[in-house]
N, C-alpha and C. Protein backbone atom coordinates (compact mmCIF):
# COMPACT_ATOMS: atom_id res chain seq x y z
N MET A 1 21.15 -22.42 -72.63
CA MET A 1 22.51 -22.46 -73.66
C MET A 1 23.19 -21.14 -74.06
N SER A 2 24.29 -21.49 -74.00
CA SER A 2 24.86 -20.34 -74.55
C SER A 2 25.05 -20.29 -76.66
N LEU A 3 24.68 -18.93 -76.83
CA LEU A 3 25.08 -19.05 -78.20
C LEU A 3 25.57 -19.47 -78.95
N ARG A 4 26.82 -19.61 -78.43
CA ARG A 4 28.26 -20.38 -78.95
C ARG A 4 27.81 -21.94 -79.24
N GLU A 5 27.07 -22.49 -77.74
CA GLU A 5 26.70 -23.87 -78.16
C GLU A 5 25.45 -23.93 -78.66
N LYS A 6 24.76 -22.89 -79.05
CA LYS A 6 23.37 -23.22 -79.45
C LYS A 6 24.07 -23.55 -81.27
N ILE A 7 24.78 -22.60 -81.83
CA ILE A 7 25.38 -22.51 -83.43
C ILE A 7 26.51 -23.83 -83.26
N LEU A 8 27.16 -24.44 -82.61
CA LEU A 8 28.07 -25.53 -82.60
C LEU A 8 27.07 -26.84 -82.92
N ALA A 9 25.75 -26.47 -82.14
CA ALA A 9 24.88 -27.64 -82.18
C ALA A 9 24.01 -27.76 -83.38
N ALA A 10 24.15 -26.65 -83.77
CA ALA A 10 22.80 -26.46 -84.80
C ALA A 10 23.12 -27.87 -86.41
N GLU A 11 22.13 -28.40 -86.71
CA GLU A 11 22.23 -29.31 -87.77
C GLU A 11 21.95 -28.29 -89.07
N ASP A 12 22.99 -27.83 -89.57
CA ASP A 12 22.99 -26.49 -90.66
C ASP A 12 23.13 -26.77 -91.92
N ILE A 13 23.89 -28.33 -92.26
CA ILE A 13 24.16 -28.77 -93.33
C ILE A 13 22.62 -29.23 -94.10
N GLU A 14 22.44 -28.61 -95.59
CA GLU A 14 21.19 -29.17 -95.99
C GLU A 14 21.53 -30.26 -96.80
N SER A 15 20.38 -30.98 -97.29
CA SER A 15 20.47 -32.57 -98.17
C SER A 15 19.04 -32.10 -98.76
N GLU A 16 19.30 -33.02 -100.08
CA GLU A 16 18.21 -33.24 -100.87
C GLU A 16 18.41 -34.31 -101.54
N MET A 17 17.46 -35.01 -102.18
CA MET A 17 16.99 -36.18 -102.75
C MET A 17 17.22 -35.95 -104.09
N LEU A 18 18.26 -37.02 -105.04
CA LEU A 18 18.38 -36.38 -106.02
C LEU A 18 18.24 -37.46 -107.15
N GLU A 19 16.91 -37.82 -108.05
CA GLU A 19 17.28 -38.63 -109.24
C GLU A 19 18.28 -38.97 -110.11
N VAL A 20 18.72 -39.58 -110.50
CA VAL A 20 20.20 -39.65 -111.42
C VAL A 20 19.90 -40.89 -112.26
N PRO A 21 18.66 -40.59 -113.48
CA PRO A 21 18.29 -41.50 -114.29
C PRO A 21 19.79 -41.86 -115.11
N GLU A 22 20.92 -41.45 -115.02
CA GLU A 22 21.85 -41.97 -115.83
C GLU A 22 22.46 -43.51 -115.35
N TRP A 23 22.04 -43.38 -113.67
CA TRP A 23 22.76 -44.69 -112.82
C TRP A 23 21.66 -45.52 -112.47
N ASP A 24 20.28 -45.01 -112.70
CA ASP A 24 19.15 -45.57 -112.58
C ASP A 24 19.13 -46.04 -111.01
N CYS A 25 18.90 -44.46 -110.40
CA CYS A 25 19.53 -44.47 -108.68
C CYS A 25 18.79 -43.07 -108.27
N THR A 26 18.77 -43.22 -106.94
CA THR A 26 18.29 -42.09 -106.36
C THR A 26 19.74 -42.17 -105.24
N VAL A 27 19.95 -40.59 -104.99
CA VAL A 27 20.79 -40.40 -104.46
C VAL A 27 20.71 -39.22 -103.06
N GLU A 28 21.50 -39.08 -102.04
CA GLU A 28 21.19 -38.05 -101.28
C GLU A 28 22.36 -37.00 -101.46
N VAL A 29 22.05 -36.10 -101.95
CA VAL A 29 23.01 -34.90 -102.17
C VAL A 29 23.42 -34.05 -101.02
N ARG A 30 24.49 -33.84 -100.49
CA ARG A 30 24.26 -32.92 -99.39
C ARG A 30 25.85 -31.44 -99.34
N GLY A 31 25.16 -30.71 -98.98
CA GLY A 31 25.74 -29.53 -98.88
C GLY A 31 27.14 -29.99 -98.08
N MET A 32 28.27 -28.87 -98.41
CA MET A 32 29.43 -29.76 -97.84
C MET A 32 29.91 -28.69 -96.39
N ASN A 33 30.94 -29.53 -95.72
CA ASN A 33 31.01 -28.52 -94.31
C ASN A 33 32.24 -27.66 -94.91
N GLY A 34 32.66 -26.56 -94.15
CA GLY A 34 33.90 -25.86 -94.75
C GLY A 34 35.09 -26.19 -94.93
N ALA A 35 35.11 -27.40 -94.14
CA ALA A 35 36.79 -28.11 -94.96
C ALA A 35 36.23 -28.89 -96.23
N ASP A 36 35.52 -29.45 -96.39
CA ASP A 36 35.71 -29.56 -97.48
C ASP A 36 35.47 -28.81 -98.60
N ARG A 37 34.46 -27.90 -98.49
CA ARG A 37 34.31 -26.56 -99.22
C ARG A 37 36.10 -26.04 -99.69
N SER A 38 36.21 -25.56 -98.41
CA SER A 38 37.66 -24.91 -98.31
C SER A 38 38.66 -26.11 -99.96
N ARG A 39 38.70 -26.92 -99.19
CA ARG A 39 39.76 -28.17 -100.09
C ARG A 39 39.47 -28.40 -101.17
N ILE A 40 37.95 -28.12 -101.86
CA ILE A 40 37.77 -28.66 -103.09
C ILE A 40 38.05 -26.95 -104.10
N LEU A 41 37.46 -26.05 -103.43
CA LEU A 41 37.91 -24.59 -104.41
C LEU A 41 39.72 -24.83 -104.28
N GLU A 42 40.46 -24.91 -103.41
CA GLU A 42 41.95 -24.81 -103.30
C GLU A 42 42.53 -26.04 -104.63
N SER A 43 41.61 -27.14 -104.41
CA SER A 43 42.62 -27.90 -105.53
C SER A 43 41.73 -27.65 -106.93
N ALA A 44 40.73 -26.86 -107.07
CA ALA A 44 40.10 -26.50 -108.03
C ALA A 44 40.85 -25.07 -109.25
N ALA A 45 41.79 -24.94 -108.18
CA ALA A 45 42.60 -23.80 -108.53
C ALA A 45 43.92 -24.20 -108.01
N ALA A 46 44.77 -25.56 -108.34
CA ALA A 46 46.24 -25.81 -107.66
C ALA A 46 46.96 -25.98 -108.65
N SER A 47 46.53 -25.62 -110.21
CA SER A 47 47.30 -26.11 -111.21
C SER A 47 48.55 -24.82 -111.11
N GLU A 48 49.55 -25.45 -111.74
CA GLU A 48 50.85 -24.65 -111.89
C GLU A 48 50.61 -23.25 -112.67
N ASP A 49 49.88 -23.22 -113.59
CA ASP A 49 49.69 -22.19 -114.28
C ASP A 49 48.79 -20.89 -113.79
N GLY A 50 47.89 -21.11 -112.79
CA GLY A 50 46.82 -20.83 -111.87
C GLY A 50 45.66 -20.91 -112.39
N LYS A 51 45.44 -21.47 -113.63
CA LYS A 51 44.05 -22.01 -114.32
C LYS A 51 43.14 -22.77 -113.36
N ILE A 52 41.75 -22.60 -113.43
CA ILE A 52 41.24 -23.19 -112.21
C ILE A 52 40.28 -24.26 -113.09
N SER A 53 40.04 -25.04 -112.69
CA SER A 53 39.51 -26.56 -113.82
C SER A 53 38.22 -27.10 -112.63
N ILE A 54 37.25 -26.31 -113.88
CA ILE A 54 36.02 -26.62 -113.47
C ILE A 54 35.58 -28.02 -113.55
N GLY A 55 36.24 -29.16 -114.35
CA GLY A 55 36.32 -30.81 -114.01
C GLY A 55 36.49 -31.30 -112.61
N ASN A 56 37.95 -30.61 -111.99
CA ASN A 56 38.22 -31.07 -111.02
C ASN A 56 37.15 -30.57 -109.94
N MET A 57 36.84 -29.59 -109.97
CA MET A 57 35.71 -29.16 -109.02
C MET A 57 34.54 -29.95 -109.01
N TYR A 58 33.83 -30.38 -110.08
CA TYR A 58 32.71 -31.00 -110.09
C TYR A 58 32.79 -32.49 -109.49
N VAL A 59 33.91 -33.08 -110.48
CA VAL A 59 34.20 -34.13 -109.68
C VAL A 59 34.16 -34.35 -107.99
N GLU A 60 35.20 -33.48 -107.39
CA GLU A 60 35.42 -33.18 -106.58
C GLU A 60 34.19 -32.98 -105.59
N THR A 61 33.37 -32.71 -106.01
CA THR A 61 31.76 -32.15 -105.56
C THR A 61 31.39 -33.26 -105.47
N VAL A 62 31.00 -34.13 -106.32
CA VAL A 62 30.46 -35.41 -106.17
C VAL A 62 31.23 -36.46 -105.22
N ILE A 63 32.29 -36.47 -104.89
CA ILE A 63 32.60 -37.25 -103.75
C ILE A 63 32.13 -36.74 -102.96
N ALA A 64 32.43 -35.39 -102.55
CA ALA A 64 32.39 -34.90 -101.23
C ALA A 64 30.55 -34.58 -100.65
N SER A 65 29.82 -34.65 -101.82
CA SER A 65 28.39 -34.39 -101.64
C SER A 65 27.37 -35.51 -101.62
N THR A 66 27.93 -36.52 -102.41
CA THR A 66 26.98 -37.76 -102.57
C THR A 66 26.83 -38.82 -101.23
N TYR A 67 25.57 -39.04 -101.14
CA TYR A 67 25.68 -39.90 -99.44
C TYR A 67 24.50 -40.94 -100.19
N ASP A 68 24.52 -42.21 -99.50
CA ASP A 68 23.43 -43.36 -99.92
C ASP A 68 22.31 -43.22 -98.90
N PRO A 69 21.20 -42.76 -99.42
CA PRO A 69 20.06 -42.45 -98.80
C PRO A 69 19.45 -43.47 -97.90
N GLU A 70 20.35 -44.54 -98.10
CA GLU A 70 19.94 -46.10 -96.91
C GLU A 70 20.78 -46.00 -95.65
N THR A 71 21.88 -45.91 -96.16
CA THR A 71 23.30 -45.81 -95.05
C THR A 71 23.29 -44.70 -94.45
N GLY A 72 23.47 -43.46 -95.11
CA GLY A 72 24.15 -41.90 -94.74
C GLY A 72 25.42 -41.80 -95.14
N GLU A 73 26.10 -43.13 -95.67
CA GLU A 73 27.55 -43.23 -95.90
C GLU A 73 27.90 -42.45 -97.10
N ARG A 74 28.66 -41.58 -97.30
CA ARG A 74 29.27 -41.40 -98.30
C ARG A 74 29.38 -42.59 -99.32
N ILE A 75 29.29 -42.25 -100.76
CA ILE A 75 29.35 -43.24 -101.74
C ILE A 75 30.86 -43.21 -102.31
N PHE A 76 31.32 -42.21 -102.80
CA PHE A 76 32.57 -41.95 -103.11
C PHE A 76 33.50 -41.93 -102.23
N THR A 77 34.71 -42.40 -102.70
CA THR A 77 36.04 -42.07 -102.18
C THR A 77 37.17 -40.94 -102.56
N ASN A 78 38.16 -40.54 -102.47
CA ASN A 78 39.17 -40.14 -103.67
C ASN A 78 39.82 -41.39 -104.67
N ALA A 79 39.66 -42.12 -103.89
CA ALA A 79 40.24 -43.37 -105.12
C ALA A 79 39.11 -43.52 -106.08
N ASP A 80 37.99 -43.22 -106.10
CA ASP A 80 36.78 -43.10 -107.08
C ASP A 80 37.26 -42.13 -108.10
N ARG A 81 37.99 -40.99 -107.91
CA ARG A 81 38.10 -40.03 -108.67
C ARG A 81 38.23 -40.34 -110.19
N ASP A 82 39.15 -41.00 -110.63
CA ASP A 82 39.35 -41.55 -111.82
C ASP A 82 38.25 -41.83 -112.62
N VAL A 83 37.45 -43.05 -112.12
CA VAL A 83 36.64 -43.78 -112.98
C VAL A 83 35.12 -42.82 -113.12
N LEU A 84 34.78 -42.42 -111.47
CA LEU A 84 33.96 -40.79 -111.97
C LEU A 84 34.10 -40.10 -113.18
N MET A 85 35.50 -39.81 -113.79
CA MET A 85 35.74 -38.95 -114.88
C MET A 85 35.41 -39.60 -115.77
N SER A 86 35.34 -41.03 -115.58
CA SER A 86 34.89 -41.65 -117.19
C SER A 86 33.51 -41.76 -117.18
N LYS A 87 32.68 -41.26 -116.26
CA LYS A 87 30.98 -41.58 -116.24
C LYS A 87 30.38 -40.45 -116.94
N SER A 88 28.66 -40.54 -116.67
CA SER A 88 28.22 -39.74 -117.70
C SER A 88 28.55 -38.45 -117.11
N ALA A 89 28.92 -37.49 -118.04
CA ALA A 89 29.03 -35.91 -117.73
C ALA A 89 27.86 -35.36 -117.37
N ALA A 90 26.42 -35.72 -117.86
CA ALA A 90 25.41 -34.79 -117.27
C ALA A 90 24.90 -35.95 -116.25
N ALA A 91 25.34 -36.75 -115.73
CA ALA A 91 24.67 -37.15 -113.82
C ALA A 91 25.78 -36.44 -113.54
N ILE A 92 27.01 -36.27 -113.63
CA ILE A 92 28.31 -35.92 -112.23
C ILE A 92 27.84 -34.40 -112.43
N ASP A 93 27.38 -33.54 -113.81
CA ASP A 93 26.67 -32.17 -113.60
C ASP A 93 25.74 -32.00 -113.00
N LYS A 94 24.51 -33.17 -112.61
CA LYS A 94 23.31 -32.82 -111.54
C LYS A 94 23.53 -33.16 -110.43
N ILE A 95 24.77 -33.78 -110.09
CA ILE A 95 25.27 -34.00 -108.66
C ILE A 95 25.89 -32.87 -108.15
N ALA A 96 26.65 -32.61 -108.94
CA ALA A 96 27.69 -31.33 -108.48
C ALA A 96 26.99 -29.83 -108.61
N THR A 97 26.07 -29.88 -109.23
CA THR A 97 25.15 -28.43 -109.14
C THR A 97 24.52 -28.41 -108.47
N VAL A 98 23.53 -29.80 -107.66
CA VAL A 98 22.91 -29.58 -106.42
C VAL A 98 23.85 -29.27 -105.10
N GLY A 99 25.26 -30.02 -105.53
CA GLY A 99 26.03 -30.04 -104.09
C GLY A 99 26.79 -28.69 -104.02
N MET A 100 27.01 -27.91 -104.97
CA MET A 100 27.54 -26.82 -105.15
C MET A 100 26.56 -25.57 -104.49
N ARG A 101 25.28 -26.01 -105.16
CA ARG A 101 23.92 -24.92 -104.62
C ARG A 101 23.61 -24.94 -103.12
N LEU A 102 23.61 -26.37 -102.67
CA LEU A 102 23.50 -26.39 -101.14
C LEU A 102 24.87 -25.97 -100.46
N SER A 103 26.22 -26.02 -100.98
CA SER A 103 27.18 -25.15 -100.47
C SER A 103 27.51 -24.08 -100.61
N ALA A 104 26.78 -23.45 -101.19
CA ALA A 104 27.05 -21.90 -101.39
C ALA A 104 28.19 -21.52 -102.42
N MET A 105 27.97 -22.75 -103.44
CA MET A 105 29.11 -22.32 -104.54
C MET A 105 28.07 -22.30 -106.04
N ASP A 106 27.35 -21.26 -105.62
CA ASP A 106 25.95 -21.69 -106.84
C ASP A 106 26.48 -20.97 -108.35
N THR A 107 25.71 -20.91 -109.18
CA THR A 107 26.33 -20.45 -110.36
C THR A 107 26.91 -19.09 -110.59
N LYS A 108 26.47 -18.13 -109.71
CA LYS A 108 27.43 -17.09 -109.53
C LYS A 108 28.73 -16.70 -109.27
N ALA A 109 28.93 -17.76 -108.17
CA ALA A 109 30.01 -18.08 -107.11
C ALA A 109 31.06 -18.55 -108.64
N ALA A 110 30.59 -19.63 -109.44
CA ALA A 110 31.55 -20.60 -110.36
C ALA A 110 31.78 -19.53 -111.90
N ASP A 111 30.63 -18.76 -112.32
CA ASP A 111 30.94 -17.51 -113.10
C ASP A 111 31.82 -16.47 -112.52
N ASP A 112 32.17 -16.44 -111.26
CA ASP A 112 33.01 -15.51 -110.89
C ASP A 112 34.15 -15.74 -110.80
N ALA A 113 34.27 -17.31 -110.29
CA ALA A 113 35.86 -17.79 -110.39
C ALA A 113 36.03 -18.29 -112.12
N LYS A 114 35.21 -18.68 -113.20
CA LYS A 114 35.86 -18.45 -114.51
C LYS A 114 36.17 -16.92 -114.73
N ALA A 115 35.46 -16.09 -114.57
CA ALA A 115 36.04 -14.84 -115.00
C ALA A 115 37.13 -14.33 -114.08
N THR A 116 37.64 -14.73 -112.65
CA THR A 116 39.14 -14.55 -112.25
C THR A 116 39.84 -15.15 -112.87
N PHE A 117 39.45 -16.83 -113.50
CA PHE A 117 40.72 -17.41 -113.46
C PHE A 117 40.34 -17.92 -115.06
N PRO A 118 41.05 -18.07 -115.75
CA PRO A 118 41.18 -18.68 -116.74
C PRO A 118 40.60 -20.45 -116.82
N GLU A 119 39.77 -20.80 -117.52
CA GLU A 119 39.43 -22.06 -117.30
C GLU A 119 39.73 -22.97 -118.14
N THR A 120 40.47 -24.04 -117.49
CA THR A 120 40.68 -25.24 -118.33
C THR A 120 39.88 -26.37 -118.48
N THR A 121 39.94 -27.12 -119.51
CA THR A 121 39.23 -28.50 -119.68
C THR A 121 39.78 -29.75 -118.94
N THR A 122 41.19 -29.81 -118.37
CA THR A 122 41.56 -30.70 -118.36
C THR A 122 41.80 -31.05 -117.03
N SER A 123 42.01 -32.21 -116.50
CA SER A 123 41.85 -32.55 -115.07
C SER A 123 43.48 -32.59 -114.26
């Protein structure tokens, strides 16, 4: 097997189980692939005034990172975005924090983004 084949065949996306007491369930949170991560970072900074929306980034991370531990399927779709925005901020924060950590979007990356772009709280 060539090095290229070895890299392309690697199971390299980490996951972990996360208890979400606000929703009385456990979910699987997976790191994102490169395409999802890029889409989320671009959408978070896509406002006309150039400000980054941490709220958008969090809910998009929840959609991209949350899986049903029994089926292995994504729990949420883009159609769930608005209803997720109305759910517990604590639950969204817990899932998004793990999803970002597993996707190399850790606290330092969020702090760097906040320093680079003025933060907005609207979606």
